[in-house]
């Protein structure tokens, strides 16, 4: 149950991670928005609407408030689920144990690297002769 809820949360994250808002400008508007003239912004919008681009003239990124609210409430419900909390706490304890094992195994190497004391390189005989 927890894994399916976490996968649902990941899909919501992907949905909003790739969201790129695009402002719509009318040709009659002039002025500046964020230090950029609206005329130059209008030219960029028209360039993206050209037939040579993959975007069609009617597509722009706006997520309706009702859809965002439903997604947000679903995400809150996922985060408040006890199965998800139990799973994430258990996973966190597991990852902390792995990190502690990593620190125990690599303590000497990391300390030598921090101090700048490197072990001497192993000697390798590069002149292999086949008789």
N, C-alpha and C. Protein backbone atom coordinates (compact mmCIF):
# COMPACT_ATOMS: atom_id res chain seq x y z
N UNK A 1 0.83 -1.20 0.00
CA UNK A 1 0.00 0.00 0.00
C UNK A 1 0.87 1.25 0.00
N UNK A 2 1.91 1.25 0.83
CA UNK A 2 2.77 2.42 0.92
C UNK A 2 3.50 2.67 -0.39
N UNK A 3 3.95 1.61 -1.05
CA UNK A 3 4.67 1.76 -2.31
C UNK A 3 3.79 2.37 -3.40
N UNK A 4 2.53 1.97 -3.45
CA UNK A 4 1.64 2.54 -4.47
C UNK A 4 1.38 4.03 -4.19
N UNK A 5 1.26 4.39 -2.91
CA UNK A 5 1.06 5.80 -2.57
C UNK A 5 2.31 6.62 -2.90
N UNK A 6 3.48 6.06 -2.64
CA UNK A 6 4.72 6.77 -2.94
C UNK A 6 4.87 6.93 -4.46
N UNK A 7 4.50 5.92 -5.22
CA UNK A 7 4.54 6.03 -6.68
C UNK A 7 3.58 7.11 -7.17
N UNK A 8 2.42 7.21 -6.53
CA UNK A 8 1.47 8.26 -6.90
C UNK A 8 2.05 9.64 -6.60
N UNK A 9 2.73 9.77 -5.46
CA UNK A 9 3.36 11.04 -5.12
C UNK A 9 4.47 11.38 -6.11
N UNK A 10 5.22 10.37 -6.55
CA UNK A 10 6.27 10.60 -7.55
C UNK A 10 5.68 11.05 -8.87
N UNK A 11 4.55 10.48 -9.26
CA UNK A 11 3.93 10.91 -10.52
C UNK A 11 3.45 12.36 -10.42
N UNK A 12 2.94 12.75 -9.25
CA UNK A 12 2.56 14.15 -9.07
C UNK A 12 3.80 15.06 -9.12
N UNK A 13 4.91 14.60 -8.55
CA UNK A 13 6.15 15.39 -8.59
C UNK A 13 6.61 15.57 -10.04
N UNK A 14 6.55 14.48 -10.83
CA UNK A 14 6.95 14.59 -12.24
C UNK A 14 6.03 15.54 -13.00
N UNK A 15 4.75 15.52 -12.66
CA UNK A 15 3.78 16.38 -13.34
C UNK A 15 4.15 17.84 -13.16
N UNK A 16 4.53 18.22 -11.93
CA UNK A 16 4.83 19.61 -11.66
C UNK A 16 6.31 19.95 -11.85
N UNK A 17 7.18 18.97 -11.92
CA UNK A 17 8.60 19.24 -12.13
C UNK A 17 8.86 19.69 -13.57
N UNK A 18 8.08 19.19 -14.51
CA UNK A 18 8.27 19.55 -15.91
C UNK A 18 7.39 20.72 -16.32
N UNK A 19 6.69 21.34 -15.38
CA UNK A 19 5.79 22.44 -15.70
C UNK A 19 6.60 23.70 -16.00
N UNK A 20 6.36 24.28 -17.16
CA UNK A 20 6.99 25.52 -17.55
C UNK A 20 5.91 26.54 -17.86
N UNK A 21 5.71 27.52 -16.98
CA UNK A 21 4.65 28.50 -17.25
C UNK A 21 5.04 29.38 -18.43
N UNK A 22 4.09 29.65 -19.27
CA UNK A 22 4.31 30.53 -20.41
C UNK A 22 3.30 31.65 -20.34
N UNK A 23 3.77 32.88 -20.35
CA UNK A 23 2.87 34.02 -20.27
C UNK A 23 2.28 34.31 -21.64
N UNK A 24 1.02 34.70 -21.64
CA UNK A 24 0.38 35.10 -22.89
C UNK A 24 0.37 36.62 -22.94
N UNK A 25 0.76 37.17 -24.04
CA UNK A 25 0.79 38.62 -24.21
C UNK A 25 -0.04 38.98 -25.43
N UNK A 26 -0.78 40.05 -25.31
CA UNK A 26 -1.52 40.52 -26.49
C UNK A 26 -0.65 41.54 -27.22
N UNK A 27 -0.92 41.74 -28.49
CA UNK A 27 -0.12 42.68 -29.29
C UNK A 27 -0.34 44.11 -28.85
N UNK A 28 -1.46 44.41 -28.24
CA UNK A 28 -1.77 45.78 -27.84
C UNK A 28 -1.01 46.18 -26.58
N UNK A 29 -0.52 45.24 -25.80
CA UNK A 29 0.14 45.58 -24.56
C UNK A 29 1.56 46.05 -24.81
N UNK A 30 1.94 47.10 -24.11
CA UNK A 30 3.31 47.60 -24.17
C UNK A 30 3.76 47.88 -22.76
N UNK A 31 5.04 47.96 -22.55
CA UNK A 31 5.57 48.21 -21.23
C UNK A 31 6.66 47.22 -20.92
N UNK A 32 6.90 47.02 -19.63
CA UNK A 32 7.93 46.07 -19.21
C UNK A 32 7.37 45.14 -18.17
N UNK A 33 7.85 43.91 -18.22
CA UNK A 33 7.52 42.91 -17.20
C UNK A 33 8.83 42.32 -16.76
N UNK A 34 9.18 42.54 -15.51
CA UNK A 34 10.43 41.99 -14.98
C UNK A 34 11.65 42.51 -15.71
N UNK A 35 11.60 43.78 -16.17
CA UNK A 35 12.75 44.36 -16.84
C UNK A 35 12.85 44.01 -18.31
N UNK A 36 11.89 43.24 -18.85
CA UNK A 36 11.90 42.85 -20.26
C UNK A 36 10.72 43.52 -20.93
N UNK A 37 10.96 44.17 -22.07
CA UNK A 37 9.85 44.83 -22.75
C UNK A 37 8.87 43.78 -23.26
N UNK A 38 7.58 44.14 -23.22
CA UNK A 38 6.56 43.18 -23.65
C UNK A 38 6.61 42.97 -25.15
N UNK A 39 7.15 43.95 -25.89
CA UNK A 39 7.29 43.76 -27.34
C UNK A 39 8.25 42.63 -27.65
N UNK A 40 9.40 42.59 -26.94
CA UNK A 40 10.35 41.50 -27.18
C UNK A 40 9.80 40.18 -26.67
N UNK A 41 9.04 40.25 -25.57
CA UNK A 41 8.41 39.02 -25.06
C UNK A 41 7.38 38.51 -26.06
N UNK A 42 6.64 39.42 -26.70
CA UNK A 42 5.65 39.04 -27.70
C UNK A 42 6.33 38.38 -28.89
N UNK A 43 7.49 38.89 -29.29
CA UNK A 43 8.22 38.29 -30.41
C UNK A 43 8.64 36.87 -30.06
N UNK A 44 9.10 36.66 -28.81
CA UNK A 44 9.50 35.31 -28.40
C UNK A 44 8.31 34.37 -28.38
N UNK A 45 7.15 34.86 -27.93
CA UNK A 45 5.95 34.03 -27.92
C UNK A 45 5.56 33.67 -29.34
N UNK A 46 5.63 34.65 -30.25
CA UNK A 46 5.28 34.37 -31.64
C UNK A 46 6.27 33.41 -32.28
N UNK A 47 7.55 33.49 -31.90
CA UNK A 47 8.54 32.56 -32.43
C UNK A 47 8.24 31.13 -32.01
N UNK A 48 7.76 30.96 -30.77
CA UNK A 48 7.43 29.61 -30.31
C UNK A 48 6.17 29.09 -30.97
N UNK A 49 5.34 30.01 -31.51
CA UNK A 49 4.11 29.59 -32.15
C UNK A 49 4.29 29.33 -33.65
N UNK A 50 5.49 29.52 -34.15
CA UNK A 50 5.71 29.32 -35.58
C UNK A 50 5.50 27.86 -35.94
N UNK A 51 5.06 27.57 -37.18
CA UNK A 51 4.79 26.18 -37.57
C UNK A 51 6.02 25.30 -37.56
N UNK A 52 7.22 25.90 -37.62
CA UNK A 52 8.41 25.06 -37.62
C UNK A 52 8.70 24.47 -36.25
N UNK A 53 8.13 25.03 -35.22
CA UNK A 53 8.32 24.53 -33.86
C UNK A 53 7.34 23.40 -33.59
N UNK A 54 7.64 22.61 -32.56
CA UNK A 54 6.77 21.49 -32.24
C UNK A 54 5.52 21.91 -31.47
N UNK A 55 5.51 23.13 -30.91
CA UNK A 55 4.35 23.59 -30.16
C UNK A 55 3.31 24.14 -31.12
N UNK A 56 2.05 23.88 -30.84
CA UNK A 56 1.00 24.46 -31.64
C UNK A 56 0.64 25.82 -31.05
N UNK A 57 -0.10 26.62 -31.79
CA UNK A 57 -0.42 27.97 -31.36
C UNK A 57 -1.34 27.99 -30.14
N UNK A 58 -2.08 26.93 -29.89
CA UNK A 58 -3.06 26.95 -28.81
C UNK A 58 -2.53 26.34 -27.51
N UNK A 59 -1.26 25.91 -27.47
CA UNK A 59 -0.78 25.28 -26.25
C UNK A 59 0.02 26.27 -25.42
N UNK A 60 -0.29 26.31 -24.14
CA UNK A 60 0.48 27.08 -23.20
C UNK A 60 0.27 26.46 -21.84
N UNK A 61 1.23 26.65 -20.94
CA UNK A 61 1.21 25.93 -19.68
C UNK A 61 0.52 26.66 -18.56
N UNK A 62 -0.71 26.35 -18.35
CA UNK A 62 -1.43 26.86 -17.19
C UNK A 62 -2.17 25.69 -16.57
N UNK A 63 -1.94 25.45 -15.30
CA UNK A 63 -2.65 24.38 -14.60
C UNK A 63 -3.85 25.02 -13.90
N UNK A 64 -5.03 24.53 -14.15
CA UNK A 64 -6.22 25.10 -13.49
C UNK A 64 -6.14 24.97 -11.97
N UNK A 65 -6.68 25.96 -11.28
CA UNK A 65 -6.62 25.98 -9.83
C UNK A 65 -7.30 24.76 -9.23
N UNK A 66 -8.42 24.34 -9.78
CA UNK A 66 -9.14 23.18 -9.23
C UNK A 66 -8.29 21.91 -9.33
N UNK A 67 -7.57 21.75 -10.46
CA UNK A 67 -6.71 20.58 -10.62
C UNK A 67 -5.54 20.63 -9.63
N UNK A 68 -4.95 21.82 -9.47
CA UNK A 68 -3.85 21.97 -8.52
C UNK A 68 -4.32 21.68 -7.09
N UNK A 69 -5.51 22.16 -6.73
CA UNK A 69 -6.04 21.96 -5.39
C UNK A 69 -6.28 20.47 -5.12
N UNK A 70 -6.83 19.76 -6.10
CA UNK A 70 -7.07 18.32 -5.95
C UNK A 70 -5.73 17.58 -5.77
N UNK A 71 -4.74 17.94 -6.59
CA UNK A 71 -3.42 17.32 -6.47
C UNK A 71 -2.78 17.61 -5.12
N UNK A 72 -2.90 18.84 -4.65
CA UNK A 72 -2.33 19.23 -3.37
C UNK A 72 -2.99 18.47 -2.22
N UNK A 73 -4.30 18.37 -2.25
CA UNK A 73 -5.01 17.65 -1.19
C UNK A 73 -4.66 16.16 -1.22
N UNK A 74 -4.50 15.60 -2.41
CA UNK A 74 -4.10 14.19 -2.52
C UNK A 74 -2.70 13.99 -1.95
N UNK A 75 -1.79 14.91 -2.23
CA UNK A 75 -0.44 14.82 -1.70
C UNK A 75 -0.44 14.92 -0.17
N UNK A 76 -1.25 15.79 0.39
CA UNK A 76 -1.37 15.87 1.85
C UNK A 76 -1.91 14.57 2.43
N UNK A 77 -2.88 13.96 1.75
CA UNK A 77 -3.43 12.68 2.22
C UNK A 77 -2.37 11.58 2.16
N UNK A 78 -1.55 11.59 1.12
CA UNK A 78 -0.48 10.59 1.00
C UNK A 78 0.52 10.77 2.13
N UNK A 79 0.91 12.03 2.39
CA UNK A 79 1.90 12.29 3.45
C UNK A 79 1.38 11.97 4.84
N UNK A 80 0.08 12.02 5.04
CA UNK A 80 -0.46 11.75 6.37
C UNK A 80 -0.80 10.27 6.59
N UNK A 81 -0.61 9.44 5.59
CA UNK A 81 -0.92 8.02 5.70
C UNK A 81 0.10 7.33 6.62
N UNK A 82 -0.38 6.51 7.55
CA UNK A 82 0.52 5.85 8.51
C UNK A 82 1.41 4.81 7.84
N UNK A 83 0.92 4.17 6.79
CA UNK A 83 1.74 3.18 6.08
C UNK A 83 2.96 3.85 5.43
N UNK A 84 2.75 5.03 4.86
CA UNK A 84 3.85 5.77 4.24
C UNK A 84 4.86 6.18 5.29
N UNK A 85 4.39 6.69 6.44
CA UNK A 85 5.30 7.08 7.52
C UNK A 85 6.13 5.90 8.01
N UNK A 86 5.48 4.77 8.21
CA UNK A 86 6.20 3.58 8.68
C UNK A 86 7.25 3.15 7.67
N UNK A 87 6.87 3.12 6.39
CA UNK A 87 7.80 2.73 5.34
C UNK A 87 9.00 3.68 5.27
N UNK A 88 8.73 4.98 5.30
CA UNK A 88 9.82 5.95 5.17
C UNK A 88 10.73 5.95 6.38
N UNK A 89 10.18 5.76 7.58
CA UNK A 89 11.03 5.67 8.77
C UNK A 89 11.93 4.43 8.72
N UNK A 90 11.35 3.31 8.28
CA UNK A 90 12.14 2.09 8.15
C UNK A 90 13.23 2.25 7.09
N UNK A 91 12.90 2.87 5.97
CA UNK A 91 13.89 3.11 4.91
C UNK A 91 14.98 4.05 5.39
N UNK A 92 14.62 5.08 6.14
CA UNK A 92 15.61 6.01 6.65
C UNK A 92 16.55 5.32 7.63
N UNK A 93 16.03 4.46 8.49
CA UNK A 93 16.91 3.71 9.41
C UNK A 93 17.87 2.81 8.63
N UNK A 94 17.37 2.18 7.56
CA UNK A 94 18.21 1.32 6.72
C UNK A 94 19.33 2.14 6.06
N UNK A 95 18.98 3.29 5.49
CA UNK A 95 19.98 4.12 4.82
C UNK A 95 20.99 4.70 5.82
N UNK A 96 20.54 5.02 7.03
CA UNK A 96 21.48 5.49 8.06
C UNK A 96 22.47 4.39 8.42
N UNK A 97 21.99 3.16 8.49
CA UNK A 97 22.89 2.03 8.77
C UNK A 97 23.90 1.84 7.66
N UNK A 98 23.48 1.96 6.41
CA UNK A 98 24.41 1.85 5.29
C UNK A 98 25.44 2.97 5.32
N UNK A 99 25.02 4.18 5.67
CA UNK A 99 25.95 5.30 5.73
C UNK A 99 26.95 5.10 6.86
N UNK A 100 26.48 4.61 8.00
CA UNK A 100 27.40 4.34 9.11
C UNK A 100 28.42 3.28 8.73
N UNK A 101 27.99 2.25 8.00
CA UNK A 101 28.93 1.23 7.53
C UNK A 101 29.94 1.83 6.55
N UNK A 102 29.48 2.70 5.68
CA UNK A 102 30.38 3.37 4.74
C UNK A 102 31.42 4.20 5.49
N UNK A 103 30.96 4.94 6.49
CA UNK A 103 31.89 5.77 7.28
C UNK A 103 32.91 4.90 8.00
N UNK A 104 32.47 3.77 8.55
CA UNK A 104 33.38 2.90 9.28
C UNK A 104 34.43 2.28 8.35
N UNK A 105 34.02 1.92 7.14
CA UNK A 105 34.95 1.29 6.20
C UNK A 105 35.92 2.29 5.56
N UNK A 106 35.48 3.51 5.37
CA UNK A 106 36.28 4.48 4.62
C UNK A 106 36.85 5.60 5.47
N UNK A 107 36.79 5.47 6.77
CA UNK A 107 37.25 6.54 7.65
C UNK A 107 38.72 6.88 7.41
N UNK A 108 39.57 5.87 7.35
CA UNK A 108 41.00 6.12 7.20
C UNK A 108 41.31 6.77 5.85
N UNK A 109 40.68 6.29 4.79
CA UNK A 109 40.92 6.87 3.47
C UNK A 109 40.43 8.31 3.37
N UNK A 110 39.28 8.59 3.92
CA UNK A 110 38.75 9.95 3.88
C UNK A 110 39.60 10.90 4.72
N UNK A 111 40.09 10.41 5.87
CA UNK A 111 40.94 11.25 6.71
C UNK A 111 42.27 11.54 6.00
N UNK A 112 42.84 10.53 5.35
CA UNK A 112 44.09 10.74 4.61
C UNK A 112 43.89 11.70 3.45
N UNK A 113 42.74 11.62 2.80
CA UNK A 113 42.45 12.53 1.69
C UNK A 113 42.31 13.95 2.20
N UNK A 114 41.65 14.13 3.34
CA UNK A 114 41.46 15.47 3.90
C UNK A 114 42.79 16.08 4.33
N UNK A 115 43.71 15.26 4.84
CA UNK A 115 45.01 15.77 5.29
C UNK A 115 46.02 15.87 4.15
N UNK A 116 45.70 15.30 3.02
CA UNK A 116 46.61 15.34 1.89
C UNK A 116 47.66 14.26 1.92
N UNK A 117 47.50 13.25 2.75
CA UNK A 117 48.44 12.13 2.81
C UNK A 117 47.90 11.00 1.95
N UNK A 118 48.49 10.84 0.81
CA UNK A 118 48.06 9.78 -0.08
C UNK A 118 48.99 8.60 0.08
N UNK A 119 48.46 7.40 0.00
CA UNK A 119 49.35 6.23 0.04
C UNK A 119 50.20 6.20 -1.24
N UNK A 120 51.41 5.68 -1.16
CA UNK A 120 52.24 5.66 -2.36
C UNK A 120 51.61 4.76 -3.42
N UNK A 121 51.74 5.17 -4.67
CA UNK A 121 51.11 4.36 -5.72
C UNK A 121 51.79 3.01 -5.85
N UNK A 122 51.01 2.02 -6.20
CA UNK A 122 51.55 0.67 -6.36
C UNK A 122 52.45 0.65 -7.59
N UNK A 123 53.54 -0.05 -7.49
CA UNK A 123 54.46 -0.15 -8.62
C UNK A 123 53.95 -1.22 -9.57
N UNK A 124 53.91 -0.87 -10.82
CA UNK A 124 53.43 -1.79 -11.84
C UNK A 124 54.54 -1.92 -12.88
N UNK A 125 54.85 -3.15 -13.21
CA UNK A 125 55.87 -3.39 -14.23
C UNK A 125 55.19 -3.37 -15.58
N UNK A 126 55.46 -2.33 -16.36
CA UNK A 126 54.82 -2.17 -17.65
C UNK A 126 55.56 -2.88 -18.77
N UNK A 127 56.75 -3.41 -18.48
CA UNK A 127 57.55 -4.08 -19.52
C UNK A 127 57.34 -5.59 -19.42
N UNK A 128 56.23 -6.04 -19.96
CA UNK A 128 55.93 -7.48 -19.93
C UNK A 128 56.55 -8.10 -21.16
N UNK A 129 57.36 -9.10 -20.96
CA UNK A 129 58.01 -9.77 -22.08
C UNK A 129 57.52 -11.22 -22.15
N UNK A 130 57.13 -11.57 -23.34
CA UNK A 130 56.68 -12.94 -23.56
C UNK A 130 57.83 -13.69 -24.25
N UNK A 131 58.28 -14.76 -23.63
CA UNK A 131 59.42 -15.50 -24.19
C UNK A 131 58.97 -16.67 -25.02
